[in-house]
Amino acid sequence: MRSVCFIGRGGQGVVFSAEVLARAAFLEGKYVAQLQSYGAEVRGGSVMAYVVIDEKPIENPFIEEFDLVVLLSYPEEWKYVVDKGKQVVSDESIGIGTLFPFIRLARERNLKENSIALGLVSAMGYASLEFIEKALPKGKEFEENLRAVKIGFEEAKKLYKSSSQCL
């Protein structure tokens, strides 16, 4: 069983990322469970969403620690989740775990950091790029999201090759 937790603030697309990852893993033939938690003040409030992926049916999706925690921002109320993450990847402005330039890449290229995060998660082997693409909603933002996923994927591969930190 593998698990990925996305943490951030409302409006950053944390739930969207978890839903797309879950859909991609499902399309790959895996069993998945996707859960989320956020306050009443969705915009700007803290958000946590996670995905559990397995080769066999998932009997209990509630887990104690995550294989990967992706921090787009760091609301303090999720510190206990971050502390239990086996691997943590955060935006370089947060400075926890492996650093990744989600926000900088998003600003430089006018993209969304959550889709860049999906590319990183794909590069780490949680779902293939092909199935992430198939799982993205086919609406007006499809091309923009796909471009962001591919940039996140390529940047993660570069970081992995040039860093002693294991992604």
Protein backbone atom coordinates (compact mmCIF):
# COMPACT_ATOMS: atom_id res chain seq x y z
CA MET A 1 0.00 0.00 0.00
CA ARG A 2 1.26 3.49 -0.89
CA SER A 3 -0.07 6.85 0.21
CA VAL A 4 0.28 10.49 -0.81
CA CYS A 5 -0.95 13.44 1.22
CA PHE A 6 -1.32 16.93 -0.25
CA ILE A 7 -1.45 19.85 2.22
CA GLY A 8 -2.06 23.52 1.54
CA ARG A 9 -4.57 26.34 1.73
CA GLY A 10 -8.00 26.54 0.15
CA GLY A 11 -7.71 27.71 -3.43
CA GLN A 12 -4.40 25.95 -4.10
CA GLY A 13 -6.08 22.92 -5.67
CA VAL A 14 -5.12 20.40 -3.00
CA VAL A 15 -8.36 18.39 -3.36
CA PHE A 16 -8.12 18.57 -7.16
CA SER A 17 -4.61 17.04 -7.03
CA ALA A 18 -5.74 14.18 -4.82
CA GLU A 19 -8.78 13.50 -7.00
CA VAL A 20 -6.71 13.42 -10.21
CA LEU A 21 -4.08 11.16 -8.62
CA ALA A 22 -6.78 8.79 -7.36
CA ARG A 23 -8.45 8.69 -10.78
CA ALA A 24 -5.10 8.07 -12.52
CA ALA A 25 -4.20 5.19 -10.17
CA PHE A 26 -7.69 3.72 -10.68
CA LEU A 27 -7.30 3.92 -14.46
CA GLU A 28 -4.00 2.04 -14.06
CA GLY A 29 -5.95 -0.79 -12.47
CA LYS A 30 -5.11 -0.04 -8.83
CA TYR A 31 -7.47 0.09 -5.88
CA VAL A 32 -7.73 3.59 -4.45
CA ALA A 33 -9.29 5.57 -1.64
CA GLN A 34 -9.28 9.36 -1.56
CA LEU A 35 -10.18 11.41 1.50
CA GLN A 36 -10.06 15.11 2.32
CA SER A 37 -10.35 17.43 5.25
CA TYR A 38 -10.88 21.17 5.26
CA GLY A 39 -12.52 23.83 7.34
CA ALA A 40 -15.65 25.82 6.62
CA GLU A 41 -13.58 28.69 5.28
CA VAL A 42 -12.52 26.86 2.13
CA ARG A 43 -10.78 29.78 0.41
CA GLY A 44 -7.60 30.42 2.36
CA GLY A 45 -8.31 27.89 5.10
CA SER A 46 -6.18 24.81 5.62
CA VAL A 47 -6.79 21.78 3.41
CA MET A 48 -5.48 18.24 3.49
CA ALA A 49 -6.37 15.55 0.96
CA TYR A 50 -4.82 12.15 0.58
CA VAL A 51 -4.83 9.10 -1.62
CA VAL A 52 -4.20 5.48 -0.68
CA ILE A 53 -3.17 3.22 -3.57
CA ASP A 54 -2.87 -0.57 -3.48
CA GLU A 55 -2.81 -3.64 -5.68
CA LYS A 56 -5.56 -5.25 -3.60
CA PRO A 57 -8.82 -3.93 -2.09
CA ILE A 58 -8.30 -1.33 0.62
CA GLU A 59 -10.04 -2.39 3.80
CA ASN A 60 -9.24 0.71 5.83
CA PRO A 61 -8.20 3.98 4.15
CA PHE A 62 -7.40 5.66 7.48
CA ILE A 63 -3.66 5.45 7.94
CA GLU A 64 -1.18 6.58 10.58
CA GLU A 65 1.66 7.79 8.35
CA PHE A 66 2.05 8.73 4.70
CA ASP A 67 4.69 7.57 2.27
CA LEU A 68 4.76 11.05 0.76
CA VAL A 69 3.56 14.42 2.04
CA VAL A 70 3.47 17.26 -0.50
CA LEU A 71 3.34 20.73 1.10
CA LEU A 72 2.14 23.56 -1.12
CA SER A 73 1.87 25.69 2.02
CA TYR A 74 2.27 24.75 5.66
CA PRO A 75 -0.78 25.30 7.84
CA GLU A 76 0.39 24.52 11.40
CA GLU A 77 -2.69 22.42 12.18
CA TRP A 78 -1.30 19.69 9.89
CA LYS A 79 2.09 19.51 11.64
CA TYR A 80 1.26 16.08 13.08
CA VAL A 81 0.68 14.75 9.54
CA VAL A 82 3.94 16.26 8.28
CA ASP A 83 5.84 14.81 11.24
CA LYS A 84 4.56 11.33 10.34
CA GLY A 85 5.44 11.59 6.66
CA LYS A 86 8.09 9.11 5.56
CA GLN A 87 9.10 11.59 2.84
CA VAL A 88 8.16 15.26 2.73
CA VAL A 89 8.46 17.50 -0.30
CA SER A 90 7.69 21.16 0.27
CA ASP A 91 7.77 24.35 -1.69
CA GLU A 92 11.23 25.87 -1.44
CA SER A 93 9.76 28.78 0.55
CA ILE A 94 8.70 26.39 3.35
CA GLY A 95 12.05 24.67 3.76
CA ILE A 96 10.92 21.28 5.10
CA GLY A 97 12.15 17.98 3.65
CA THR A 98 13.08 17.89 -0.02
CA LEU A 99 12.59 21.35 -1.52
CA PHE A 100 10.78 21.82 -4.81
CA PRO A 101 9.92 25.11 -6.58
CA PHE A 102 6.14 24.62 -6.95
CA ILE A 103 5.20 28.27 -6.47
CA ARG A 104 8.17 29.78 -8.33
CA LEU A 105 7.55 27.54 -11.37
CA ALA A 106 3.84 28.39 -11.26
CA ARG A 107 4.52 32.15 -11.15
CA GLU A 108 7.23 32.08 -13.83
CA ARG A 109 5.07 30.12 -16.26
CA ASN A 110 1.62 31.34 -15.21
CA LEU A 111 0.52 27.84 -14.17
CA LYS A 112 -1.02 26.22 -11.10
CA GLU A 113 1.24 24.77 -8.41
CA ASN A 114 -1.13 21.86 -7.75
CA SER A 115 -0.74 20.55 -11.31
CA ILE A 116 3.02 20.98 -11.03
CA ALA A 117 2.78 18.87 -7.86
CA LEU A 118 0.96 16.16 -9.84
CA GLY A 119 3.94 16.03 -12.20
CA LEU A 120 6.29 15.59 -9.25
CA VAL A 121 4.14 12.79 -7.81
CA SER A 122 4.08 11.10 -11.22
CA ALA A 123 7.88 11.34 -11.49
CA MET A 124 8.08 9.65 -8.09
CA GLY A 125 6.13 6.67 -9.45
CA TYR A 126 2.71 7.07 -7.80
CA ALA A 127 0.92 7.19 -11.19
CA SER A 128 2.22 7.29 -14.73
CA LEU A 129 2.25 10.52 -16.70
CA GLU A 130 0.03 8.83 -19.29
CA PHE A 131 -2.69 8.09 -16.73
CA ILE A 132 -2.39 11.48 -15.01
CA GLU A 133 -3.14 12.98 -18.43
CA LYS A 134 -6.14 10.67 -18.88
CA ALA A 135 -7.40 11.56 -15.40
CA LEU A 136 -7.27 15.34 -15.87
CA PRO A 137 -10.71 16.90 -16.41
CA LYS A 138 -11.19 17.70 -20.09
CA GLY A 139 -12.50 21.23 -19.55
CA LYS A 140 -11.21 24.64 -20.53
CA GLU A 141 -8.11 24.33 -18.31
CA PHE A 142 -7.04 20.89 -19.58
CA GLU A 143 -4.13 22.11 -21.74
CA GLU A 144 -2.84 24.43 -19.01
CA ASN A 145 -3.04 21.67 -16.38
CA LEU A 146 -1.34 19.16 -18.67
CA ARG A 147 1.49 21.61 -19.39
CA ALA A 148 1.95 22.17 -15.66
CA VAL A 149 1.99 18.42 -14.96
CA LYS A 150 4.66 17.90 -17.62
CA ILE A 151 6.77 20.76 -16.26
CA GLY A 152 6.52 19.34 -12.73
CA PHE A 153 7.48 15.91 -14.06
CA GLU A 154 10.54 17.23 -15.94
CA GLU A 155 11.68 19.45 -13.07
CA ALA A 156 11.39 16.52 -10.65
CA LYS A 157 13.46 14.33 -12.96
CA LYS A 158 16.13 17.07 -13.17
CA LEU A 159 16.17 17.45 -9.40
CA TYR A 160 16.48 13.70 -8.96
CA LYS A 161 19.43 13.50 -11.36
CA SER A 162 21.29 16.50 -9.94
CA SER A 163 20.62 15.93 -6.24
CA SER A 164 21.88 13.52 -3.68
CA GLN A 165 18.42 13.72 -2.10
CA CYS A 166 16.35 10.78 -3.21
CA LEU A 167 12.96 11.72 -4.59
